[in-house]
Amino acid sequence: MKRIRFTPLFFRRIHKWVGLVLGLQFLLWALSGSMMALLDQEKVGGHSAQASHQHPLPPGDYIAPENLALDGPVLGIALRSLAARPVYELRYTTGTRLFDAKSGAPLRVDEEVARDVATMMNEAPIRKATLLTRPNLEAREHEGAMWRLDFADVENSSAYVSADTGRFLVMRGDTWRTWDFFWMLHNMDYVHRASFNHPLIIFVAFGTLWLSGTGFYLLFKSFGRADVRWLRRRRKASVRPPPTNRSVSTENAADISS
């Protein structure tokens, strides 16, 4: 069996092919980073749940929480607005239920409620409403079933409303979708687009470290005596003693003899 010799030629061959593969990723990093920096930050950010329009609760008599049709022990209760309508939000171990704060009737977040919530975030007409049983890539930061409301505006915006609580979750548009595509290329998470420490990027990171180390090794190995010969000549010239003037003129010699 032929023995592998770790010579500069061996490292140079591997360095060449690894550099070719990682070089393509370097280009993608540069391209994706530049594109993300060029996009409008306001359009990329869109609107989140914190930007949801809050309306004061209308005056009136609200039913007492103890008079609601409770279903088991309640973990928490909140009186809030649902599309300008006062509701009680009750949290159970099994999920969340909504009740009308005036009549006490249970509420369900259907398409009509989802449309009312979404129109408070965007005045454009709604083209389509879709019930999602689980989050898609655009709403991956959230959990549970949700409504997707697509608007007929310039950005082709889509609002996401929780099907359990009726809360507005997030708004996405074409600018954000463009940014998200280049973010996928940048962090190399081609499935979930959320992780920056997955095995693929860790492997590429260590490959980049190895490429840098072998590059420095080959850099020093590429120097020869001829490359530093001019340094040696310069050093010799700097330490050479200055020449002495041994010639004496005839006139000066005659003066000395007299």
C-alpha atoms as a PDB file:
ATOM      1  CA  MET A   1       0.000   0.000   0.000  1.00  0.00           C
ATOM      2  CA  LYS A   2       1.389   3.354  -1.017  1.00  0.00           C
ATOM      3  CA  ARG A   3       2.092   5.615   1.900  1.00  0.00           C
ATOM      4  CA  ILE A   4       0.599   9.112   1.865  1.00  0.00           C
ATOM      5  CA  ARG A   5       3.247  11.802   2.149  1.00  0.00           C
ATOM      6  CA  PHE A   6       2.142  15.105   3.592  1.00  0.00           C
ATOM      7  CA  THR A   7       4.193  17.254   1.288  1.00  0.00           C
ATOM      8  CA  PRO A   8       3.466  20.808   0.081  1.00  0.00           C
ATOM      9  CA  LEU A   9       2.308  19.291  -3.219  1.00  0.00           C
ATOM     10  CA  PHE A  10      -0.227  17.121  -1.367  1.00  0.00           C
ATOM     11  CA  PHE A  11      -1.648  20.102   0.530  1.00  0.00           C
ATOM     12  CA  ARG A  12      -1.616  22.240  -2.614  1.00  0.00           C
ATOM     13  CA  ARG A  13      -3.810  19.760  -4.499  1.00  0.00           C
ATOM     14  CA  ILE A  14      -6.364  19.508  -1.697  1.00  0.00           C
ATOM     15  CA  HIS A  15      -6.226  23.257  -1.134  1.00  0.00           C
ATOM     16  CA  LYS A  16      -7.079  23.852  -4.788  1.00  0.00           C
ATOM     17  CA  TRP A  17     -10.242  21.735  -4.808  1.00  0.00           C
ATOM     18  CA  VAL A  18     -11.443  22.789  -1.377  1.00  0.00           C
ATOM     19  CA  GLY A  19     -10.878  26.393  -2.398  1.00  0.00           C
ATOM     20  CA  LEU A  20     -12.980  25.865  -5.523  1.00  0.00           C
ATOM     21  CA  VAL A  21     -15.929  24.444  -3.574  1.00  0.00           C
ATOM     22  CA  LEU A  22     -15.783  26.967  -0.735  1.00  0.00           C
ATOM     23  CA  GLY A  23     -15.123  29.781  -3.168  1.00  0.00           C
ATOM     24  CA  LEU A  24     -18.602  29.319  -4.608  1.00  0.00           C
ATOM     25  CA  GLN A  25     -20.059  29.690  -1.130  1.00  0.00           C
ATOM     26  CA  PHE A  26     -17.918  32.788  -0.557  1.00  0.00           C
ATOM     27  CA  LEU A  27     -19.537  34.321  -3.644  1.00  0.00           C
ATOM     28  CA  LEU A  28     -22.999  33.432  -2.334  1.00  0.00           C
ATOM     29  CA  TRP A  29     -22.168  35.006   1.027  1.00  0.00           C
ATOM     30  CA  ALA A  30     -21.001  38.200  -0.640  1.00  0.00           C
ATOM     31  CA  LEU A  31     -23.973  38.312  -3.022  1.00  0.00           C
ATOM     32  CA  SER A  32     -26.609  37.567  -0.380  1.00  0.00           C
ATOM     33  CA  GLY A  33     -25.090  39.980   2.127  1.00  0.00           C
ATOM     34  CA  SER A  34     -25.009  42.765  -0.459  1.00  0.00           C
ATOM     35  CA  MET A  35     -28.607  42.160  -1.525  1.00  0.00           C
ATOM     36  CA  MET A  36     -29.899  42.113   2.052  1.00  0.00           C
ATOM     37  CA  ALA A  37     -28.090  45.384   2.725  1.00  0.00           C
ATOM     38  CA  LEU A  38     -29.623  47.026  -0.366  1.00  0.00           C
ATOM     39  CA  LEU A  39     -33.258  46.196   0.480  1.00  0.00           C
ATOM     40  CA  ASP A  40     -35.452  48.744   2.227  1.00  0.00           C
ATOM     41  CA  GLN A  41     -35.325  48.003   5.948  1.00  0.00           C
ATOM     42  CA  GLU A  42     -38.842  49.297   6.587  1.00  0.00           C
ATOM     43  CA  LYS A  43     -40.364  47.069   3.917  1.00  0.00           C
ATOM     44  CA  VAL A  44     -38.343  44.069   5.075  1.00  0.00           C
ATOM     45  CA  GLY A  45     -39.407  44.511   8.695  1.00  0.00           C
ATOM     46  CA  GLY A  46     -43.087  44.748   7.831  1.00  0.00           C
ATOM     47  CA  HIS A  47     -45.379  44.693  10.831  1.00  0.00           C
ATOM     48  CA  SER A  48     -45.336  42.408  13.827  1.00  0.00           C
ATOM     49  CA  ALA A  49     -47.742  41.717  16.637  1.00  0.00           C
ATOM     50  CA  GLN A  50     -46.271  44.656  18.565  1.00  0.00           C
ATOM     51  CA  ALA A  51     -47.441  46.967  15.785  1.00  0.00           C
ATOM     52  CA  SER A  52     -51.012  45.697  16.011  1.00  0.00           C
ATOM     53  CA  HIS A  53     -53.626  48.429  16.220  1.00  0.00           C
ATOM     54  CA  GLN A  54     -54.908  48.637  19.769  1.00  0.00           C
ATOM     55  CA  HIS A  55     -58.355  50.108  20.325  1.00  0.00           C
ATOM     56  CA  PRO A  56     -59.881  51.092  23.643  1.00  0.00           C
ATOM     57  CA  LEU A  57     -62.612  48.815  24.914  1.00  0.00           C
ATOM     58  CA  PRO A  58     -66.104  50.196  24.266  1.00  0.00           C
ATOM     59  CA  PRO A  59     -68.041  51.284  27.336  1.00  0.00           C
ATOM     60  CA  GLY A  60     -70.783  49.053  28.667  1.00  0.00           C
ATOM     61  CA  ASP A  61     -71.605  46.330  31.137  1.00  0.00           C
ATOM     62  CA  TYR A  62     -69.417  43.268  30.839  1.00  0.00           C
ATOM     63  CA  ILE A  63     -70.388  39.882  32.106  1.00  0.00           C
ATOM     64  CA  ALA A  64     -68.482  38.661  35.142  1.00  0.00           C
ATOM     65  CA  PRO A  65     -65.838  36.034  34.318  1.00  0.00           C
ATOM     66  CA  GLU A  66     -67.305  33.597  36.856  1.00  0.00           C
ATOM     67  CA  ASN A  67     -70.528  33.541  34.834  1.00  0.00           C
ATOM     68  CA  LEU A  68     -68.777  32.202  31.747  1.00  0.00           C
ATOM     69  CA  ALA A  69     -69.194  28.603  30.675  1.00  0.00           C
ATOM     70  CA  LEU A  70     -65.843  27.446  31.996  1.00  0.00           C
ATOM     71  CA  ASP A  71     -64.457  24.098  30.908  1.00  0.00           C
ATOM     72  CA  GLY A  72     -62.042  22.979  33.603  1.00  0.00           C
ATOM     73  CA  PRO A  73     -59.448  24.949  35.582  1.00  0.00           C
ATOM     74  CA  VAL A  74     -58.379  28.220  34.019  1.00  0.00           C
ATOM     75  CA  LEU A  75     -54.679  29.120  33.911  1.00  0.00           C
ATOM     76  CA  GLY A  76     -55.211  32.750  32.943  1.00  0.00           C
ATOM     77  CA  ILE A  77     -57.843  35.225  31.829  1.00  0.00           C
ATOM     78  CA  ALA A  78     -57.565  38.505  29.934  1.00  0.00           C
ATOM     79  CA  LEU A  79     -60.076  41.135  28.823  1.00  0.00           C
ATOM     80  CA  ARG A  80     -59.006  42.512  25.470  1.00  0.00           C
ATOM     81  CA  SER A  81     -60.163  43.819  22.134  1.00  0.00           C
ATOM     82  CA  LEU A  82     -60.750  41.548  19.162  1.00  0.00           C
ATOM     83  CA  ALA A  83     -61.273  43.726  16.091  1.00  0.00           C
ATOM     84  CA  ALA A  84     -62.811  46.471  18.294  1.00  0.00           C
ATOM     85  CA  ARG A  85     -64.946  43.888  20.074  1.00  0.00           C
ATOM     86  CA  PRO A  86     -64.476  43.178  23.823  1.00  0.00           C
ATOM     87  CA  VAL A  87     -63.694  39.541  24.530  1.00  0.00           C
ATOM     88  CA  TYR A  88     -62.452  37.391  27.350  1.00  0.00           C
ATOM     89  CA  GLU A  89     -59.460  35.236  26.523  1.00  0.00           C
ATOM     90  CA  LEU A  90     -59.193  32.168  28.758  1.00  0.00           C
ATOM     91  CA  ARG A  91     -56.127  29.949  28.775  1.00  0.00           C
ATOM     92  CA  TYR A  92     -56.460  26.261  29.588  1.00  0.00           C
ATOM     93  CA  THR A  93     -53.904  23.502  29.617  1.00  0.00           C
ATOM     94  CA  THR A  94     -55.479  22.282  26.381  1.00  0.00           C
ATOM     95  CA  GLY A  95     -55.541  25.621  24.595  1.00  0.00           C
ATOM     96  CA  THR A  96     -57.323  28.983  24.457  1.00  0.00           C
ATOM     97  CA  ARG A  97     -61.009  29.892  24.314  1.00  0.00           C
ATOM     98  CA  LEU A  98     -62.676  33.220  23.554  1.00  0.00           C
ATOM     99  CA  PHE A  99     -65.955  34.581  24.955  1.00  0.00           C
ATOM    100  CA  ASP A 100     -67.908  37.701  24.139  1.00  0.00           C
ATOM    101  CA  ALA A 101     -67.393  40.020  27.096  1.00  0.00           C
ATOM    102  CA  LYS A 102     -70.959  41.383  26.914  1.00  0.00           C
ATOM    103  CA  SER A 103     -73.065  38.314  26.196  1.00  0.00           C
ATOM    104  CA  GLY A 104     -70.765  35.560  27.452  1.00  0.00           C
ATOM    105  CA  ALA A 105     -71.231  33.584  24.224  1.00  0.00           C
ATOM    106  CA  PRO A 106     -68.239  31.544  23.062  1.00  0.00           C
ATOM    107  CA  LEU A 107     -66.446  32.882  20.007  1.00  0.00           C
ATOM    108  CA  ARG A 108     -64.608  31.141  17.215  1.00  0.00           C
ATOM    109  CA  VAL A 109     -61.978  32.792  15.029  1.00  0.00           C
ATOM    110  CA  ASP A 110     -63.552  32.106  11.651  1.00  0.00           C
ATOM    111  CA  GLU A 111     -62.756  33.737   8.324  1.00  0.00           C
ATOM    112  CA  GLU A 112     -64.942  36.757   9.037  1.00  0.00           C
ATOM    113  CA  VAL A 113     -63.157  37.492  12.325  1.00  0.00           C
ATOM    114  CA  ALA A 114     -59.769  36.960  10.708  1.00  0.00           C
ATOM    115  CA  ARG A 115     -60.687  39.419   7.948  1.00  0.00           C
ATOM    116  CA  ASP A 116     -61.757  42.027  10.491  1.00  0.00           C
ATOM    117  CA  VAL A 117     -58.441  41.710  12.318  1.00  0.00           C
ATOM    118  CA  ALA A 118     -56.394  41.834   9.109  1.00  0.00           C
ATOM    119  CA  THR A 119     -58.160  44.900   7.701  1.00  0.00           C
ATOM    120  CA  MET A 120     -57.087  46.829  10.795  1.00  0.00           C
ATOM    121  CA  MET A 121     -53.478  46.344   9.660  1.00  0.00           C
ATOM    122  CA  ASN A 122     -53.913  46.949   5.925  1.00  0.00           C
ATOM    123  CA  GLU A 123     -56.537  48.998   4.105  1.00  0.00           C
ATOM    124  CA  ALA A 124     -56.042  47.194   0.780  1.00  0.00           C
ATOM    125  CA  PRO A 125     -58.755  44.756  -0.341  1.00  0.00           C
ATOM    126  CA  ILE A 126     -58.313  41.125   0.642  1.00  0.00           C
ATOM    127  CA  ARG A 127     -57.928  38.768  -2.312  1.00  0.00           C
ATOM    128  CA  LYS A 128     -57.909  35.446  -0.504  1.00  0.00           C
ATOM    129  CA  ALA A 129     -58.228  33.903   2.956  1.00  0.00           C
ATOM    130  CA  THR A 130     -56.628  30.538   3.753  1.00  0.00           C
ATOM    131  CA  LEU A 131     -56.687  28.523   6.968  1.00  0.00           C
ATOM    132  CA  LEU A 132     -53.296  26.947   7.724  1.00  0.00           C
ATOM    133  CA  THR A 133     -53.155  24.009  10.112  1.00  0.00           C
ATOM    134  CA  ARG A 134     -49.504  24.782  10.859  1.00  0.00           C
ATOM    135  CA  PRO A 135     -47.151  27.706  10.207  1.00  0.00           C
ATOM    136  CA  ASN A 136     -45.471  28.089   6.851  1.00  0.00           C
ATOM    137  CA  LEU A 137     -42.009  29.561   6.253  1.00  0.00           C
ATOM    138  CA  GLU A 138     -43.317  33.128   6.375  1.00  0.00           C
ATOM    139  CA  ALA A 139     -44.770  32.668   9.860  1.00  0.00           C
ATOM    140  CA  ARG A 140     -42.227  30.180  11.185  1.00  0.00           C
ATOM    141  CA  GLU A 141     -41.659  32.148  14.402  1.00  0.00           C
ATOM    142  CA  HIS A 142     -45.217  31.371  15.541  1.00  0.00           C
ATOM    143  CA  GLU A 143     -47.080  28.208  16.464  1.00  0.00           C
ATOM    144  CA  GLY A 144     -50.520  26.704  15.996  1.00  0.00           C
ATOM    145  CA  ALA A 145     -53.165  27.070  13.332  1.00  0.00           C
ATOM    146  CA  MET A 146     -53.536  30.469  11.681  1.00  0.00           C
ATOM    147  CA  TRP A 147     -55.337  32.374   8.979  1.00  0.00           C
ATOM    148  CA  ARG A 148     -53.442  33.813   6.021  1.00  0.00           C
ATOM    149  CA  LEU A 149     -55.065  36.868   4.440  1.00  0.00           C
ATOM    150  CA  ASP A 150     -53.589  37.940   1.071  1.00  0.00           C
ATOM    151  CA  PHE A 151     -54.004  41.600   0.087  1.00  0.00           C
ATOM    152  CA  ALA A 152     -54.204  43.158  -3.363  1.00  0.00           C
ATOM    153  CA  ASP A 153     -51.498  45.783  -2.843  1.00  0.00           C
ATOM    154  CA  VAL A 154     -48.124  46.600  -4.406  1.00  0.00           C
ATOM    155  CA  GLU A 155     -46.203  44.389  -1.959  1.00  0.00           C
ATOM    156  CA  ASN A 156     -48.619  41.433  -2.292  1.00  0.00           C
ATOM    157  CA  SER A 157     -48.818  41.541   1.485  1.00  0.00           C
ATOM    158  CA  SER A 158     -50.047  38.633   3.569  1.00  0.00           C
ATOM    159  CA  ALA A 159     -51.324  39.009   7.132  1.00  0.00           C
ATOM    160  CA  TYR A 160     -51.279  36.098   9.567  1.00  0.00           C
ATOM    161  CA  VAL A 161     -53.891  35.862  12.319  1.00  0.00           C
ATOM    162  CA  SER A 162     -53.938  33.192  15.018  1.00  0.00           C
ATOM    163  CA  ALA A 163     -56.874  30.811  14.598  1.00  0.00           C
ATOM    164  CA  ASP A 164     -56.932  30.197  18.365  1.00  0.00           C
ATOM    165  CA  THR A 165     -56.676  33.677  19.873  1.00  0.00           C
ATOM    166  CA  GLY A 166     -57.502  35.916  16.917  1.00  0.00           C
ATOM    167  CA  ARG A 167     -54.347  37.927  17.554  1.00  0.00           C
ATOM    168  CA  PHE A 168     -52.507  39.468  14.660  1.00  0.00           C
ATOM    169  CA  LEU A 169     -49.154  37.677  14.240  1.00  0.00           C
ATOM    170  CA  VAL A 170     -47.132  39.160  11.386  1.00  0.00           C
ATOM    171  CA  MET A 171     -47.315  40.822   7.979  1.00  0.00           C
ATOM    172  CA  ARG A 172     -45.144  39.698   5.075  1.00  0.00           C
ATOM    173  CA  GLY A 173     -44.560  41.242   1.654  1.00  0.00           C
ATOM    174  CA  ASP A 174     -42.523  40.696  -1.509  1.00  0.00           C
ATOM    175  CA  THR A 175     -39.571  42.688  -0.159  1.00  0.00           C
ATOM    176  CA  TRP A 176     -39.430  40.492   2.920  1.00  0.00           C
ATOM    177  CA  ARG A 177     -39.728  37.361   0.750  1.00  0.00           C
ATOM    178  CA  THR A 178     -36.774  38.546  -1.342  1.00  0.00           C
ATOM    179  CA  TRP A 179     -34.785  39.220   1.818  1.00  0.00           C
ATOM    180  CA  ASP A 180     -35.720  35.788   3.205  1.00  0.00           C
ATOM    181  CA  PHE A 181     -34.480  34.055   0.047  1.00  0.00           C
ATOM    182  CA  PHE A 182     -31.061  35.684   0.302  1.00  0.00           C
ATOM    183  CA  TRP A 183     -31.041  35.007   4.056  1.00  0.00           C
ATOM    184  CA  MET A 184     -31.468  31.319   3.209  1.00  0.00           C
ATOM    185  CA  LEU A 185     -28.407  31.501   0.937  1.00  0.00           C
ATOM    186  CA  HIS A 186     -26.446  33.392   3.573  1.00  0.00           C
ATOM    187  CA  ASN A 187     -27.018  31.078   6.540  1.00  0.00           C
ATOM    188  CA  MET A 188     -27.194  27.931   4.350  1.00  0.00           C
ATOM    189  CA  ASP A 189     -30.337  26.668   6.085  1.00  0.00           C
ATOM    190  CA  TYR A 190     -32.248  25.572   3.006  1.00  0.00           C
ATOM    191  CA  VAL A 191     -35.081  23.874   4.915  1.00  0.00           C
ATOM    192  CA  HIS A 192     -36.109  25.968   7.920  1.00  0.00           C
ATOM    193  CA  ARG A 193     -34.247  29.234   7.164  1.00  0.00           C
ATOM    194  CA  ALA A 194     -33.864  29.900  10.879  1.00  0.00           C
ATOM    195  CA  SER A 195     -30.720  28.193  12.219  1.00  0.00           C
ATOM    196  CA  PHE A 196     -27.199  29.562  11.887  1.00  0.00           C
ATOM    197  CA  ASN A 197     -25.407  26.668  13.634  1.00  0.00           C
ATOM    198  CA  HIS A 198     -26.635  23.656  11.671  1.00  0.00           C
ATOM    199  CA  PRO A 199     -24.176  20.907  10.609  1.00  0.00           C
ATOM    200  CA  LEU A 200     -23.712  22.213   7.058  1.00  0.00           C
ATOM    201  CA  ILE A 201     -22.567  25.692   8.019  1.00  0.00           C
ATOM    202  CA  ILE A 202     -20.384  24.270  10.813  1.00  0.00           C
ATOM    203  CA  PHE A 203     -18.702  21.985   8.276  1.00  0.00           C
ATOM    204  CA  VAL A 204     -18.131  24.914   5.902  1.00  0.00           C
ATOM    205  CA  ALA A 205     -16.783  27.033   8.766  1.00  0.00           C
ATOM    206  CA  PHE A 206     -14.180  24.417   9.682  1.00  0.00           C
ATOM    207  CA  GLY A 207     -13.407  23.962   5.983  1.00  0.00           C
ATOM    208  CA  THR A 208     -12.755  27.688   5.732  1.00  0.00           C
ATOM    209  CA  LEU A 209     -10.482  27.510   8.782  1.00  0.00           C
ATOM    210  CA  TRP A 210      -8.560  24.604   7.242  1.00  0.00           C
ATOM    211  CA  LEU A 211      -8.333  26.488   3.938  1.00  0.00           C
ATOM    212  CA  SER A 212      -6.867  29.517   5.703  1.00  0.00           C
ATOM    213  CA  GLY A 213      -4.344  27.426   7.635  1.00  0.00           C
ATOM    214  CA  THR A 214      -3.105  25.506   4.612  1.00  0.00           C
ATOM    215  CA  GLY A 215      -3.033  28.742   2.636  1.00  0.00           C
ATOM    216  CA  PHE A 216      -0.583  30.272   5.078  1.00  0.00           C
ATOM    217  CA  TYR A 217       1.454  27.065   5.075  1.00  0.00           C
ATOM    218  CA  LEU A 218       1.676  27.007   1.296  1.00  0.00           C
ATOM    219  CA  LEU A 219       2.419  30.721   1.221  1.00  0.00           C
ATOM    220  CA  PHE A 220       5.564  30.295   3.282  1.00  0.00           C
ATOM    221  CA  LYS A 221       6.520  27.133   1.392  1.00  0.00           C
ATOM    222  CA  SER A 222       6.290  29.006  -1.913  1.00  0.00           C
ATOM    223  CA  PHE A 223       9.161  31.319  -0.972  1.00  0.00           C
ATOM    224  CA  GLY A 224      12.683  30.299  -2.074  1.00  0.00           C
ATOM    225  CA  ARG A 225      16.215  31.630  -1.759  1.00  0.00           C
ATOM    226  CA  ALA A 226      15.809  33.729  -4.887  1.00  0.00           C
ATOM    227  CA  ASP A 227      12.844  35.579  -3.331  1.00  0.00           C
ATOM    228  CA  VAL A 228      14.890  36.791  -0.363  1.00  0.00           C
ATOM    229  CA  ARG A 229      18.214  37.251  -2.165  1.00  0.00           C
ATOM    230  CA  TRP A 230      17.632  40.970  -2.562  1.00  0.00           C
ATOM    231  CA  LEU A 231      17.216  41.237   1.205  1.00  0.00           C
ATOM    232  CA  ARG A 232      20.590  39.602   1.777  1.00  0.00           C
ATOM    233  CA  ARG A 233      22.253  41.930  -0.750  1.00  0.00           C
ATOM    234  CA  ARG A 234      20.683  44.921   0.926  1.00  0.00           C
ATOM    235  CA  ARG A 235      21.847  43.753   4.325  1.00  0.00           C
ATOM    236  CA  LYS A 236      25.447  43.311   3.109  1.00  0.00           C
ATOM    237  CA  ALA A 237      25.407  46.763   1.554  1.00  0.00           C
ATOM    238  CA  SER A 238      24.278  48.331   4.821  1.00  0.00           C
ATOM    239  CA  VAL A 239      27.087  46.752   6.906  1.00  0.00           C
ATOM    240  CA  ARG A 240      29.939  47.339   4.386  1.00  0.00           C
ATOM    241  CA  PRO A 241      32.592  49.831   5.811  1.00  0.00           C
ATOM    242  CA  PRO A 242      32.991  53.136   3.978  1.00  0.00           C
ATOM    243  CA  PRO A 243      35.973  53.357   1.556  1.00  0.00           C
ATOM    244  CA  THR A 244      39.127  55.202   2.753  1.00  0.00           C
ATOM    245  CA  ASN A 245      41.003  57.750   0.571  1.00  0.00           C
ATOM    246  CA  ARG A 246      44.610  56.499   0.389  1.00  0.00           C
ATOM    247  CA  SER A 247      45.771  58.808  -2.420  1.00  0.00           C
ATOM    248  CA  VAL A 248      47.645  61.889  -1.410  1.00  0.00           C
ATOM    249  CA  SER A 249      48.363  64.662  -3.848  1.00  0.00           C
ATOM    250  CA  THR A 250      51.983  65.432  -4.890  1.00  0.00           C
ATOM    251  CA  GLU A 251      51.684  68.968  -3.587  1.00  0.00           C
ATOM    252  CA  ASN A 252      50.660  67.769  -0.131  1.00  0.00           C
ATOM    253  CA  ALA A 253      53.475  65.206  -0.087  1.00  0.00           C
ATOM    254  CA  ALA A 254      56.069  67.915  -0.937  1.00  0.00           C
ATOM    255  CA  ASP A 255      54.812  70.081   1.879  1.00  0.00           C
ATOM    256  CA  ILE A 256      55.171  67.215   4.319  1.00  0.00           C
ATOM    257  CA  SER A 257      58.772  66.412   3.197  1.00  0.00           C
ATOM    258  CA  SER A 258      59.881  70.029   3.574  1.00  0.00           C
END
